[in-house]
Protein backbone atom coordinates (compact mmCIF):
# COMPACT_ATOMS: atom_id res chain seq x y z
CA UNK A 1 -126.13 -109.06 246.97
CA UNK A 2 -123.75 -110.90 245.59
CA UNK A 3 -123.30 -114.30 247.48
CA UNK A 4 -119.99 -115.82 245.22
CA UNK A 5 -117.45 -114.44 243.22
CA UNK A 6 -116.55 -117.26 241.33
CA UNK A 7 -117.52 -121.36 241.65
CA UNK A 8 -113.49 -121.44 242.78
CA UNK A 9 -113.23 -119.02 245.67
CA UNK A 10 -116.89 -120.56 247.13
CA UNK A 11 -115.71 -123.79 246.87
CA UNK A 12 -112.71 -122.85 248.63
CA UNK A 13 -114.41 -120.85 251.36
CA UNK A 14 -117.19 -123.40 252.57
CA UNK A 15 -115.13 -126.47 251.76
CA UNK A 16 -114.99 -127.04 255.59
CA UNK A 17 -118.19 -127.47 255.80
CA UNK A 18 -118.57 -130.36 252.72
CA UNK A 19 -121.00 -134.02 253.41
CA UNK A 20 -119.29 -137.00 253.04
CA UNK A 21 -121.48 -138.91 250.09
CA UNK A 22 -121.28 -140.87 247.07
CA UNK A 23 -122.07 -139.48 243.73
CA UNK A 24 -123.80 -141.49 241.00
CA UNK A 25 -123.05 -141.26 237.65
CA UNK A 26 -124.51 -138.39 235.76
CA UNK A 27 -126.36 -138.73 232.21
CA UNK A 28 -124.40 -136.69 229.58
CA UNK A 29 -125.38 -133.54 229.72
CA UNK A 30 -127.49 -133.69 232.79
CA UNK A 31 -126.72 -130.49 235.19
CA UNK A 32 -127.81 -132.56 238.13
CA UNK A 33 -125.85 -134.15 240.54
CA UNK A 34 -127.40 -137.57 241.85
CA UNK A 35 -125.80 -136.99 245.80
CA UNK A 36 -126.23 -139.40 248.57
CA UNK A 37 -125.90 -138.52 251.85
CA UNK A 38 -127.21 -138.80 255.84
CA UNK A 39 -129.90 -141.03 254.70
CA UNK A 40 -131.23 -138.50 251.51
CA UNK A 41 -130.74 -138.94 248.00
CA UNK A 42 -130.48 -135.42 246.90
CA UNK A 43 -130.32 -133.40 243.11
CA UNK A 44 -128.12 -130.87 243.12
CA UNK A 45 -127.09 -128.66 239.98
CA UNK A 46 -123.93 -128.92 239.40
CA UNK A 47 -121.15 -125.90 239.77
CA UNK A 48 -117.86 -127.20 239.45
CA UNK A 49 -118.78 -129.73 236.19
CA UNK A 50 -118.60 -130.16 233.45
CA UNK A 51 -118.15 -134.16 234.56
CA UNK A 52 -117.86 -134.97 238.19
CA UNK A 53 -116.66 -139.12 239.20
CA UNK A 54 -119.21 -140.89 240.02
CA UNK A 55 -117.97 -142.58 243.64
CA UNK A 56 -117.21 -141.08 247.07
CA UNK A 57 -116.85 -137.32 247.21
CA UNK A 58 -117.56 -133.89 249.55
CA UNK A 59 -120.38 -131.85 248.15
CA UNK A 60 -120.92 -128.47 249.55
CA UNK A 61 -124.71 -128.48 249.53
CA UNK A 62 -125.68 -125.01 249.10
CA UNK A 63 -129.55 -123.86 249.15
CA UNK A 64 -131.41 -120.77 248.18
CA UNK A 65 -133.25 -119.94 251.11
CA UNK A 66 -136.95 -118.88 250.09
CA UNK A 67 -138.06 -118.68 253.88
CA UNK A 68 -136.97 -118.69 257.38
CA UNK A 69 -138.31 -118.70 260.76
CA UNK A 70 -136.61 -119.08 264.05
CA UNK A 71 -138.13 -122.35 266.32
CA UNK A 72 -137.70 -123.63 269.32
CA UNK A 73 -135.21 -127.08 269.83
CA UNK A 74 -135.92 -130.23 268.66
CA UNK A 75 -134.64 -133.52 269.71
CA UNK A 76 -133.44 -133.76 265.89
CA UNK A 77 -133.08 -131.77 262.86
CA UNK A 78 -135.51 -132.96 260.24
CA UNK A 79 -134.41 -132.51 256.28
CA UNK A 80 -136.54 -133.31 252.71
CA UNK A 81 -136.72 -132.70 249.26
CA UNK A 82 -139.97 -130.33 248.75
CA UNK A 83 -139.92 -130.89 244.60
CA UNK A 84 -137.11 -131.83 243.01
CA UNK A 85 -133.60 -130.02 244.05
CA UNK A 86 -135.35 -127.80 246.53
CA UNK A 87 -135.60 -128.72 250.76
CA UNK A 88 -137.47 -127.94 253.31
CA UNK A 89 -136.55 -128.75 257.27
CA UNK A 90 -135.36 -128.10 260.24
CA UNK A 91 -131.66 -127.29 262.49
CA UNK A 92 -129.50 -125.52 264.28
CA UNK A 93 -127.55 -122.71 262.98
CA UNK A 94 -123.73 -123.57 263.14
CA UNK A 95 -122.81 -119.90 261.94
CA UNK A 96 -123.67 -117.05 261.03
CA UNK A 97 -122.90 -114.12 258.19
CA UNK A 98 -124.00 -111.90 256.31
CA UNK A 99 -125.16 -113.13 253.02
CA UNK A 100 -124.83 -117.00 254.67
CA UNK A 101 -126.27 -119.03 257.75
CA UNK A 102 -124.43 -122.42 258.18
CA UNK A 103 -127.29 -125.04 259.41
CA UNK A 104 -126.89 -128.42 260.53
CA UNK A 105 -129.88 -130.75 259.19
CA UNK A 106 -129.61 -133.72 258.75
CA UNK A 107 -126.50 -133.29 256.78
CA UNK A 108 -124.29 -129.99 256.85
CA UNK A 109 -126.43 -126.47 254.67
CA UNK A 110 -124.63 -123.15 253.47
CA UNK A 111 -127.66 -121.71 253.13
CA UNK A 112 -127.73 -118.29 251.17
CA UNK A 113 -130.00 -115.29 252.12
CA UNK A 114 -130.85 -113.31 249.48
CA UNK A 115 -133.64 -111.27 251.00
CA UNK A 116 -130.95 -108.34 252.49
CA UNK A 117 -128.57 -110.55 253.25
CA UNK A 118 -128.76 -110.05 257.10
CA UNK A 119 -129.00 -113.34 258.61
CA UNK A 120 -132.17 -113.89 261.40
CA UNK A 121 -130.89 -116.19 263.40
CA UNK A 122 -127.70 -116.26 265.46
CA UNK A 123 -125.60 -120.02 265.97
CA UNK A 124 -127.31 -121.57 268.35
CA UNK A 125 -130.57 -121.03 267.47
CA UNK A 126 -132.75 -123.92 265.27
CA UNK A 127 -135.09 -122.57 262.19
CA UNK A 128 -137.24 -124.32 260.16
CA UNK A 129 -136.64 -123.28 256.50
CA UNK A 130 -137.51 -123.93 252.49
CA UNK A 131 -135.33 -123.59 249.90
CA UNK A 132 -135.61 -122.52 246.10
CA UNK A 133 -135.29 -124.63 243.08
CA UNK A 134 -132.59 -125.40 242.53
CA UNK A 135 -130.52 -126.39 245.45
CA UNK A 136 -126.38 -126.05 244.18
CA UNK A 137 -123.98 -128.19 244.89
CA UNK A 138 -120.00 -128.15 244.97
CA UNK A 139 -118.13 -130.48 244.66
CA UNK A 140 -114.69 -130.51 246.33
């Protein structure tokens, strides 16, 4: 299943799902963006490089899901870095379409679905998930 046709198409399609935060300086040649938002510091694989400016930014956070299950509603979503550039957490599904789940966790996540592409959850459902590494970042 193809999740994107180009970086530009993906960024344009999901620009309204970007998170506001701060980018920190990138070491020369590093493929990772250091992005601080929602009380977290994430290391995201830079999809919009080659070198983006530090400071205030809007970034689409795009994890590719490894595992997902529906859960009962929670009082608050959870999100944690489970490894460098990998996430685990929970949140409420905002939108579902072939290949993608938009999940409101501590950050708004544009989650890619690799297995079959059909969402295993619907808008309004609560889910728990883990992602593959690296989590992709698109600066818009």
